[in-house]
């Protein structure tokens, strides 16, 4: 690191975070949205599970209709 001249701001390492984050920090990095505050983490798990089930059902329906259409065309 170069010597610092009087009246010059200290040059920080750009790769080092200025405020190190502790795992046990009081405030989370991102504040919880209002709907997570209403439902809590159980509601968050429930909503994510419903989203995963919705995607799985959409993929299953896509395969079902592709197979049904193929059977309709081939018969």
N, C-alpha and C. Protein backbone atom coordinates (compact mmCIF):
# COMPACT_ATOMS: atom_id res chain seq x y z
N UNK A 1 0.85 -1.18 0.00
CA UNK A 1 0.00 0.00 0.00
C UNK A 1 0.89 1.24 0.00
N UNK A 2 0.51 2.21 -0.81
CA UNK A 2 1.36 3.39 -0.93
C UNK A 2 1.21 4.29 0.29
N UNK A 3 2.20 5.14 0.48
CA UNK A 3 2.15 6.05 1.63
C UNK A 3 1.07 7.09 1.40
N UNK A 4 0.48 7.50 2.51
CA UNK A 4 -0.63 8.45 2.43
C UNK A 4 -0.09 9.87 2.63
N UNK A 5 -0.47 10.74 1.71
CA UNK A 5 -0.09 12.15 1.84
C UNK A 5 -1.06 12.85 2.77
N UNK A 6 -0.61 13.87 3.49
CA UNK A 6 -1.55 14.60 4.35
C UNK A 6 -2.63 15.28 3.50
N UNK A 7 -3.86 15.21 3.98
CA UNK A 7 -4.98 15.81 3.27
C UNK A 7 -5.58 14.89 2.21
N UNK A 8 -5.09 13.67 2.10
CA UNK A 8 -5.60 12.72 1.10
C UNK A 8 -6.44 11.67 1.82
N UNK A 9 -7.55 11.31 1.19
CA UNK A 9 -8.39 10.28 1.79
C UNK A 9 -7.68 8.93 1.72
N UNK A 10 -7.83 8.09 2.73
CA UNK A 10 -7.21 6.76 2.65
C UNK A 10 -7.89 5.93 1.56
N UNK A 11 -7.09 5.23 0.79
CA UNK A 11 -7.62 4.40 -0.28
C UNK A 11 -7.97 3.02 0.28
N UNK A 12 -9.24 2.68 0.20
CA UNK A 12 -9.68 1.38 0.70
C UNK A 12 -9.50 0.33 -0.39
N UNK A 13 -9.36 -0.89 0.05
CA UNK A 13 -9.28 -2.01 -0.89
C UNK A 13 -10.67 -2.21 -1.49
N UNK A 14 -10.83 -2.10 -2.82
CA UNK A 14 -12.19 -2.19 -3.39
C UNK A 14 -12.81 -3.58 -3.24
N UNK A 15 -12.01 -4.62 -3.03
CA UNK A 15 -12.55 -5.97 -2.92
C UNK A 15 -12.99 -6.30 -1.50
N UNK A 16 -12.55 -5.51 -0.53
CA UNK A 16 -12.91 -5.80 0.86
C UNK A 16 -14.18 -5.03 1.21
N UNK A 17 -15.17 -5.70 1.80
CA UNK A 17 -16.39 -4.96 2.18
C UNK A 17 -16.08 -3.94 3.26
N UNK A 18 -16.73 -2.78 3.13
CA UNK A 18 -16.46 -1.70 4.10
C UNK A 18 -17.04 -2.04 5.46
N UNK A 19 -18.22 -2.62 5.45
CA UNK A 19 -18.86 -2.99 6.72
C UNK A 19 -19.00 -4.51 6.73
N UNK A 20 -18.13 -5.21 7.42
CA UNK A 20 -18.24 -6.67 7.42
C UNK A 20 -19.56 -7.12 8.04
N UNK A 21 -20.22 -8.02 7.37
CA UNK A 21 -21.52 -8.50 7.84
C UNK A 21 -21.32 -9.69 8.76
N UNK A 22 -21.91 -9.62 9.91
CA UNK A 22 -21.83 -10.72 10.85
C UNK A 22 -23.03 -11.64 10.63
N UNK A 23 -22.83 -12.92 10.90
CA UNK A 23 -23.93 -13.87 10.76
C UNK A 23 -25.04 -13.53 11.76
N UNK A 24 -24.67 -13.02 12.91
CA UNK A 24 -25.64 -12.71 13.95
C UNK A 24 -26.00 -11.22 13.92
N UNK A 25 -26.01 -10.64 12.75
CA UNK A 25 -26.31 -9.22 12.62
C UNK A 25 -27.75 -8.95 13.09
N UNK A 26 -27.95 -7.78 13.68
CA UNK A 26 -29.27 -7.46 14.22
C UNK A 26 -30.31 -7.33 13.10
N UNK A 27 -29.97 -6.61 12.04
CA UNK A 27 -30.94 -6.40 10.97
C UNK A 27 -30.57 -7.28 9.78
N UNK A 28 -31.56 -7.92 9.14
CA UNK A 28 -31.26 -8.74 7.96
C UNK A 28 -30.81 -7.87 6.79
N UNK A 29 -30.13 -8.50 5.83
CA UNK A 29 -29.63 -7.76 4.66
C UNK A 29 -30.80 -7.19 3.86
N UNK A 30 -31.86 -8.00 3.68
CA UNK A 30 -33.05 -7.53 2.98
C UNK A 30 -34.23 -7.60 3.93
N UNK A 31 -34.96 -6.51 4.10
CA UNK A 31 -36.12 -6.57 5.00
C UNK A 31 -37.20 -7.49 4.43
N UNK A 32 -37.92 -8.14 5.32
CA UNK A 32 -38.99 -9.03 4.88
C UNK A 32 -40.12 -8.22 4.28
N UNK A 33 -40.73 -8.76 3.24
CA UNK A 33 -41.87 -8.10 2.62
C UNK A 33 -43.07 -8.18 3.56
N UNK A 34 -44.06 -7.35 3.30
CA UNK A 34 -45.21 -7.27 4.21
C UNK A 34 -45.96 -8.59 4.28
N UNK A 35 -46.04 -9.34 3.14
CA UNK A 35 -46.81 -10.58 3.18
C UNK A 35 -46.08 -11.66 3.96
N UNK A 36 -44.74 -11.61 4.00
CA UNK A 36 -44.03 -12.57 4.86
C UNK A 36 -44.25 -12.22 6.32
N UNK A 37 -44.36 -10.93 6.62
CA UNK A 37 -44.63 -10.54 8.01
C UNK A 37 -46.02 -10.99 8.44
N UNK A 38 -46.98 -10.97 7.50
CA UNK A 38 -48.33 -11.43 7.83
C UNK A 38 -48.37 -12.94 8.06
N UNK A 39 -47.70 -13.67 7.18
CA UNK A 39 -47.82 -15.13 7.21
C UNK A 39 -46.73 -15.79 8.04
N UNK A 40 -45.60 -15.14 8.22
CA UNK A 40 -44.49 -15.78 8.92
C UNK A 40 -43.76 -16.73 7.99
N UNK A 41 -42.76 -17.40 8.54
CA UNK A 41 -41.97 -18.29 7.70
C UNK A 41 -42.74 -19.54 7.31
N UNK A 42 -43.72 -19.96 8.12
CA UNK A 42 -44.57 -21.08 7.72
C UNK A 42 -45.34 -20.75 6.46
N UNK A 43 -45.84 -19.52 6.38
CA UNK A 43 -46.55 -19.09 5.18
C UNK A 43 -45.62 -19.00 3.99
N UNK A 44 -44.37 -18.60 4.24
CA UNK A 44 -43.38 -18.52 3.16
C UNK A 44 -43.13 -19.92 2.59
N UNK A 45 -42.96 -20.89 3.47
CA UNK A 45 -42.76 -22.27 3.02
C UNK A 45 -43.99 -22.76 2.26
N UNK A 46 -45.17 -22.43 2.77
CA UNK A 46 -46.41 -22.85 2.11
C UNK A 46 -46.53 -22.25 0.72
N UNK A 47 -46.24 -20.97 0.59
CA UNK A 47 -46.35 -20.32 -0.72
C UNK A 47 -45.33 -20.89 -1.70
N UNK A 48 -44.10 -21.12 -1.24
CA UNK A 48 -43.10 -21.72 -2.12
C UNK A 48 -43.50 -23.14 -2.52
N UNK A 49 -44.05 -23.91 -1.58
CA UNK A 49 -44.48 -25.27 -1.89
C UNK A 49 -45.61 -25.25 -2.91
N UNK A 50 -46.55 -24.31 -2.75
CA UNK A 50 -47.64 -24.20 -3.72
C UNK A 50 -47.10 -23.81 -5.10
N UNK A 51 -46.10 -22.94 -5.13
CA UNK A 51 -45.50 -22.57 -6.41
C UNK A 51 -44.82 -23.75 -7.08
N UNK A 52 -44.11 -24.56 -6.30
CA UNK A 52 -43.45 -25.74 -6.86
C UNK A 52 -44.49 -26.73 -7.37
N UNK A 53 -45.58 -26.93 -6.61
CA UNK A 53 -46.64 -27.84 -7.06
C UNK A 53 -47.30 -27.32 -8.33
N UNK A 54 -47.50 -26.02 -8.42
CA UNK A 54 -48.11 -25.43 -9.62
C UNK A 54 -47.24 -25.70 -10.85
N UNK A 55 -45.94 -25.51 -10.71
CA UNK A 55 -45.03 -25.75 -11.83
C UNK A 55 -45.03 -27.23 -12.20
N UNK A 56 -45.01 -28.11 -11.19
CA UNK A 56 -45.01 -29.55 -11.46
C UNK A 56 -46.30 -29.95 -12.17
N UNK A 57 -47.44 -29.43 -11.73
CA UNK A 57 -48.70 -29.76 -12.38
C UNK A 57 -48.76 -29.21 -13.81
N UNK A 58 -48.20 -28.04 -14.03
CA UNK A 58 -48.18 -27.47 -15.38
C UNK A 58 -47.35 -28.35 -16.32
N UNK A 59 -46.21 -28.83 -15.83
CA UNK A 59 -45.37 -29.70 -16.66
C UNK A 59 -46.08 -31.03 -16.92
N UNK A 60 -46.72 -31.59 -15.88
CA UNK A 60 -47.45 -32.85 -16.06
C UNK A 60 -48.60 -32.68 -17.05
N UNK A 61 -49.32 -31.56 -16.97
CA UNK A 61 -50.42 -31.32 -17.90
C UNK A 61 -49.90 -31.17 -19.33
N UNK A 62 -48.74 -30.54 -19.48
CA UNK A 62 -48.16 -30.39 -20.81
C UNK A 62 -47.87 -31.77 -21.41
N UNK A 63 -47.24 -32.65 -20.61
CA UNK A 63 -46.97 -34.00 -21.11
C UNK A 63 -48.26 -34.74 -21.42
N UNK A 64 -49.27 -34.60 -20.56
CA UNK A 64 -50.54 -35.30 -20.76
C UNK A 64 -51.19 -34.87 -22.08
N UNK A 65 -51.23 -33.57 -22.33
CA UNK A 65 -51.89 -33.10 -23.55
C UNK A 65 -51.07 -33.41 -24.80
N UNK A 66 -49.75 -33.44 -24.69
CA UNK A 66 -48.93 -33.83 -25.84
C UNK A 66 -49.19 -35.30 -26.18
N UNK A 67 -49.25 -36.16 -25.16
CA UNK A 67 -49.51 -37.59 -25.40
C UNK A 67 -50.93 -37.78 -25.93
N UNK A 68 -51.91 -37.07 -25.36
CA UNK A 68 -53.29 -37.20 -25.83
C UNK A 68 -53.42 -36.73 -27.28
N UNK A 69 -52.74 -35.65 -27.64
CA UNK A 69 -52.79 -35.17 -29.01
C UNK A 69 -52.12 -36.16 -29.96
N UNK A 70 -51.00 -36.74 -29.53
CA UNK A 70 -50.31 -37.72 -30.38
C UNK A 70 -51.20 -38.95 -30.59
N UNK A 71 -51.89 -39.39 -29.55
CA UNK A 71 -52.79 -40.54 -29.73
C UNK A 71 -53.96 -40.18 -30.65
N UNK A 72 -54.46 -38.96 -30.55
CA UNK A 72 -55.56 -38.52 -31.41
C UNK A 72 -55.11 -38.49 -32.87
N UNK A 73 -53.90 -38.02 -33.11
CA UNK A 73 -53.41 -37.91 -34.49
C UNK A 73 -53.12 -39.29 -35.06
N UNK A 74 -52.56 -40.18 -34.25
CA UNK A 74 -52.14 -41.49 -34.76
C UNK A 74 -53.30 -42.46 -34.94
N UNK A 75 -54.46 -42.22 -34.32
CA UNK A 75 -55.57 -43.17 -34.46
C UNK A 75 -56.55 -42.71 -35.49
